[in-house]
N, C-alpha and C. Protein backbone atom coordinates (compact mmCIF):
# COMPACT_ATOMS: atom_id res chain seq x y z
N MET A 1 -25.10 -2.95 16.83
CA MET A 1 -23.99 -2.64 17.53
C MET A 1 -24.46 -1.36 18.16
N THR A 2 -24.78 -1.71 19.44
CA THR A 2 -24.95 0.13 20.08
C THR A 2 -23.37 0.22 21.02
N TYR A 3 -23.36 1.43 20.92
CA TYR A 3 -22.02 2.21 21.72
C TYR A 3 -22.84 3.30 22.63
N ASP A 4 -22.41 2.92 23.92
CA ASP A 4 -22.41 4.38 25.08
C ASP A 4 -21.10 4.72 25.12
N ALA A 5 -21.03 6.04 24.72
CA ALA A 5 -19.69 6.57 25.06
C ALA A 5 -19.26 7.11 26.47
N GLU A 6 -20.10 7.54 26.86
CA GLU A 6 -20.36 7.97 28.38
C GLU A 6 -19.83 6.84 29.29
N ALA A 7 -20.29 5.62 28.92
CA ALA A 7 -20.02 4.63 29.94
C ALA A 7 -18.84 3.70 28.84
N ASN A 8 -18.62 4.08 27.70
CA ASN A 8 -17.59 3.19 27.28
C ASN A 8 -17.55 1.73 27.31
N ALA A 9 -18.89 1.40 26.62
CA ALA A 9 -19.28 0.14 26.66
C ALA A 9 -19.98 0.13 25.26
N ALA A 10 -20.28 -1.00 24.75
CA ALA A 10 -20.53 -1.51 23.71
C ALA A 10 -21.43 -2.71 23.49
N MET A 11 -22.46 -3.09 22.81
CA MET A 11 -23.40 -3.98 22.74
C MET A 11 -22.91 -4.72 21.48
N ILE A 12 -22.84 -5.93 21.31
CA ILE A 12 -22.99 -6.07 19.87
C ILE A 12 -24.03 -7.62 20.26
N TYR A 13 -24.94 -7.45 19.10
CA TYR A 13 -25.96 -8.39 18.99
C TYR A 13 -25.79 -9.17 17.98
N LEU A 14 -26.02 -10.30 18.28
CA LEU A 14 -25.73 -11.63 17.29
C LEU A 14 -27.18 -12.04 16.64
N ASN A 15 -28.34 -12.13 17.47
CA ASN A 15 -29.59 -12.32 16.61
C ASN A 15 -30.43 -11.33 17.19
N GLY A 16 -30.03 -9.87 16.89
CA GLY A 16 -31.53 -8.91 16.92
C GLY A 16 -31.15 -8.57 18.30
N ARG A 17 -31.73 -7.66 18.73
CA ARG A 17 -31.96 -6.65 20.24
C ARG A 17 -32.29 -8.19 21.39
N ILE A 18 -31.76 -8.02 22.49
CA ILE A 18 -32.03 -8.99 24.02
C ILE A 18 -32.92 -8.81 24.32
N GLU A 19 -34.20 -9.27 24.43
CA GLU A 19 -35.40 -8.94 24.94
C GLU A 19 -35.25 -9.03 26.54
N PRO A 20 -35.72 -8.24 27.72
CA PRO A 20 -35.78 -8.55 28.92
C PRO A 20 -36.16 -9.50 29.15
N GLY A 21 -35.23 -10.48 29.90
CA GLY A 21 -35.46 -12.16 30.54
C GLY A 21 -35.05 -12.88 29.32
N GLU A 22 -34.77 -12.57 28.25
CA GLU A 22 -34.12 -13.41 27.19
C GLU A 22 -32.65 -14.07 27.40
N ALA A 23 -31.80 -13.32 27.78
CA ALA A 23 -30.55 -14.02 28.41
C ALA A 23 -30.39 -14.55 29.76
N VAL A 24 -30.26 -15.66 29.90
CA VAL A 24 -30.53 -15.97 31.43
C VAL A 24 -29.33 -16.32 32.16
N ARG A 25 -28.19 -16.43 31.02
CA ARG A 25 -26.80 -16.75 31.50
C ARG A 25 -25.77 -16.00 31.08
N GLN A 26 -24.89 -15.47 31.99
CA GLN A 26 -23.69 -14.51 31.53
C GLN A 26 -22.64 -15.30 31.85
N GLN A 27 -21.44 -14.90 30.82
CA GLN A 27 -20.25 -15.35 31.38
C GLN A 27 -19.32 -14.33 31.24
N THR A 28 -18.41 -13.73 32.02
CA THR A 28 -17.42 -12.77 31.85
C THR A 28 -15.98 -13.38 31.68
N VAL A 29 -15.59 -12.46 30.40
CA VAL A 29 -14.05 -12.87 29.82
C VAL A 29 -13.37 -11.49 30.56
N THR A 30 -12.51 -11.51 31.36
CA THR A 30 -11.78 -10.24 31.72
C THR A 30 -10.12 -10.38 30.67
N LEU A 31 -10.18 -9.43 30.05
CA LEU A 31 -9.03 -9.31 29.53
C LEU A 31 -7.85 -7.77 30.45
N GLU A 32 -6.95 -7.68 29.63
CA GLU A 32 -5.92 -6.87 30.28
C GLU A 32 -6.80 -5.50 30.57
N VAL A 33 -7.15 -5.20 29.43
CA VAL A 33 -7.85 -3.76 29.10
C VAL A 33 -9.31 -3.59 29.02
N ALA A 34 -10.05 -4.55 29.05
CA ALA A 34 -11.35 -4.60 28.71
C ALA A 34 -12.04 -6.13 29.33
N ASP A 35 -13.54 -5.98 29.65
CA ASP A 35 -14.24 -7.37 30.16
C ASP A 35 -15.17 -7.56 28.87
N LEU A 36 -15.47 -8.75 28.50
CA LEU A 36 -16.38 -8.87 27.37
C LEU A 36 -17.30 -10.11 28.70
N VAL A 37 -18.57 -9.53 28.40
CA VAL A 37 -19.49 -10.19 29.06
C VAL A 37 -20.46 -10.81 28.00
N LEU A 38 -20.57 -12.41 28.08
CA LEU A 38 -21.30 -13.07 26.84
C LEU A 38 -22.70 -13.51 27.46
N ASP A 39 -23.70 -13.03 26.73
CA ASP A 39 -24.91 -13.41 26.86
C ASP A 39 -25.69 -14.77 26.46
N PHE A 40 -26.22 -15.42 26.97
CA PHE A 40 -26.82 -16.71 26.73
C PHE A 40 -27.91 -16.84 26.98
N GLY A 41 -28.73 -17.31 25.98
CA GLY A 41 -30.30 -17.57 26.39
C GLY A 41 -30.46 -19.09 26.62
N THR A 42 -31.43 -19.42 26.75
CA THR A 42 -31.83 -20.65 27.37
C THR A 42 -31.40 -22.04 26.71
N ASP A 43 -31.47 -21.89 25.60
CA ASP A 43 -30.77 -22.84 24.66
C ASP A 43 -29.26 -22.79 24.68
N ASP A 44 -28.90 -22.13 25.55
CA ASP A 44 -27.37 -22.11 25.07
C ASP A 44 -26.45 -21.42 23.98
N MET A 45 -27.46 -20.57 23.46
CA MET A 45 -27.13 -19.88 22.27
C MET A 45 -26.53 -18.58 22.85
N LEU A 46 -25.49 -18.44 22.12
CA LEU A 46 -25.09 -16.93 22.32
C LEU A 46 -25.78 -15.65 21.56
N LEU A 47 -26.23 -14.90 22.31
CA LEU A 47 -27.27 -13.98 22.08
C LEU A 47 -26.32 -12.62 21.83
N GLY A 48 -25.66 -12.46 22.68
CA GLY A 48 -24.68 -10.60 22.59
C GLY A 48 -23.64 -10.85 23.20
N ILE A 49 -22.98 -9.89 23.18
CA ILE A 49 -21.17 -9.69 24.07
C ILE A 49 -21.38 -7.93 24.16
N GLU A 50 -21.48 -7.91 25.28
CA GLU A 50 -21.09 -6.64 26.04
C GLU A 50 -19.61 -6.69 25.98
N VAL A 51 -19.21 -5.10 25.83
CA VAL A 51 -17.81 -4.93 25.61
C VAL A 51 -17.67 -3.58 26.87
N ILE A 52 -17.26 -3.92 27.58
CA ILE A 52 -16.83 -3.05 28.65
C ILE A 52 -15.32 -2.49 28.78
N GLY A 53 -15.42 -1.49 28.24
CA GLY A 53 -13.90 -0.99 28.04
C GLY A 53 -13.72 -0.96 26.26
N ALA A 54 -14.99 -0.61 25.57
CA ALA A 54 -14.71 -0.99 24.37
C ALA A 54 -13.93 -0.27 23.49
N ARG A 55 -13.37 1.17 24.07
CA ARG A 55 -12.45 1.63 23.54
C ARG A 55 -11.10 1.12 23.26
N ALA A 56 -10.45 0.40 24.09
CA ALA A 56 -9.56 -0.21 24.16
C ALA A 56 -9.43 -1.64 23.13
N VAL A 57 -10.30 -2.18 22.87
CA VAL A 57 -10.65 -3.05 21.95
C VAL A 57 -11.52 -3.14 20.49
N ILE A 58 -11.90 -2.02 20.55
CA ILE A 58 -12.87 -1.85 18.86
C ILE A 58 -12.16 -0.69 18.61
N SER A 59 -12.08 -0.52 17.49
CA SER A 59 -11.51 0.68 16.40
C SER A 59 -12.74 1.78 16.69
N ALA A 60 -12.07 2.85 16.48
CA ALA A 60 -12.69 4.27 16.63
C ALA A 60 -13.89 4.00 15.52
N GLU A 61 -13.30 3.73 14.67
CA GLU A 61 -14.02 3.89 13.30
C GLU A 61 -15.63 2.72 13.53
N THR A 62 -15.53 1.73 13.96
CA THR A 62 -16.39 0.64 14.20
C THR A 62 -17.62 1.19 15.44
N LEU A 63 -16.41 1.96 16.41
CA LEU A 63 -17.63 2.60 17.33
C LEU A 63 -18.17 3.76 16.95
N ASN A 64 -17.91 4.73 15.77
CA ASN A 64 -18.68 5.67 15.56
C ASN A 64 -19.62 5.45 14.58
N ALA A 65 -19.48 4.06 13.87
CA ALA A 65 -20.43 3.69 13.31
C ALA A 65 -21.81 3.01 13.73
N ALA A 66 -21.56 2.62 15.06
CA ALA A 66 -22.67 2.06 15.82
C ALA A 66 -23.67 2.90 16.34
N GLU A 67 -24.90 2.23 16.69
CA GLU A 67 -25.93 3.11 17.18
C GLU A 67 -25.41 3.69 18.56
N GLN A 68 -25.47 5.09 18.54
CA GLN A 68 -24.76 5.98 19.83
C GLN A 68 -26.54 5.99 20.94
N ILE A 69 -26.29 5.42 22.34
CA ILE A 69 -27.21 5.33 23.14
C ILE A 69 -26.37 6.32 24.46
N GLY A 70 -27.11 6.55 25.18
CA GLY A 70 -26.78 6.95 26.23
C GLY A 70 -26.53 8.50 26.54
């Protein structure tokens, strides 16, 4: 998982980093306090989940343990 504190966004990778062009479809799930963007590959396999508004739905402990980017 990576976390950008300035953007308050986390990326959860399910099968390693997503290469450019690997995610061909996205589905957004809107929550009251955050948005989840599900990234899918060509075979409809879920590759990762971007969490926009991460501090509202992921514990500070988990975000602090993530790879910090940004």
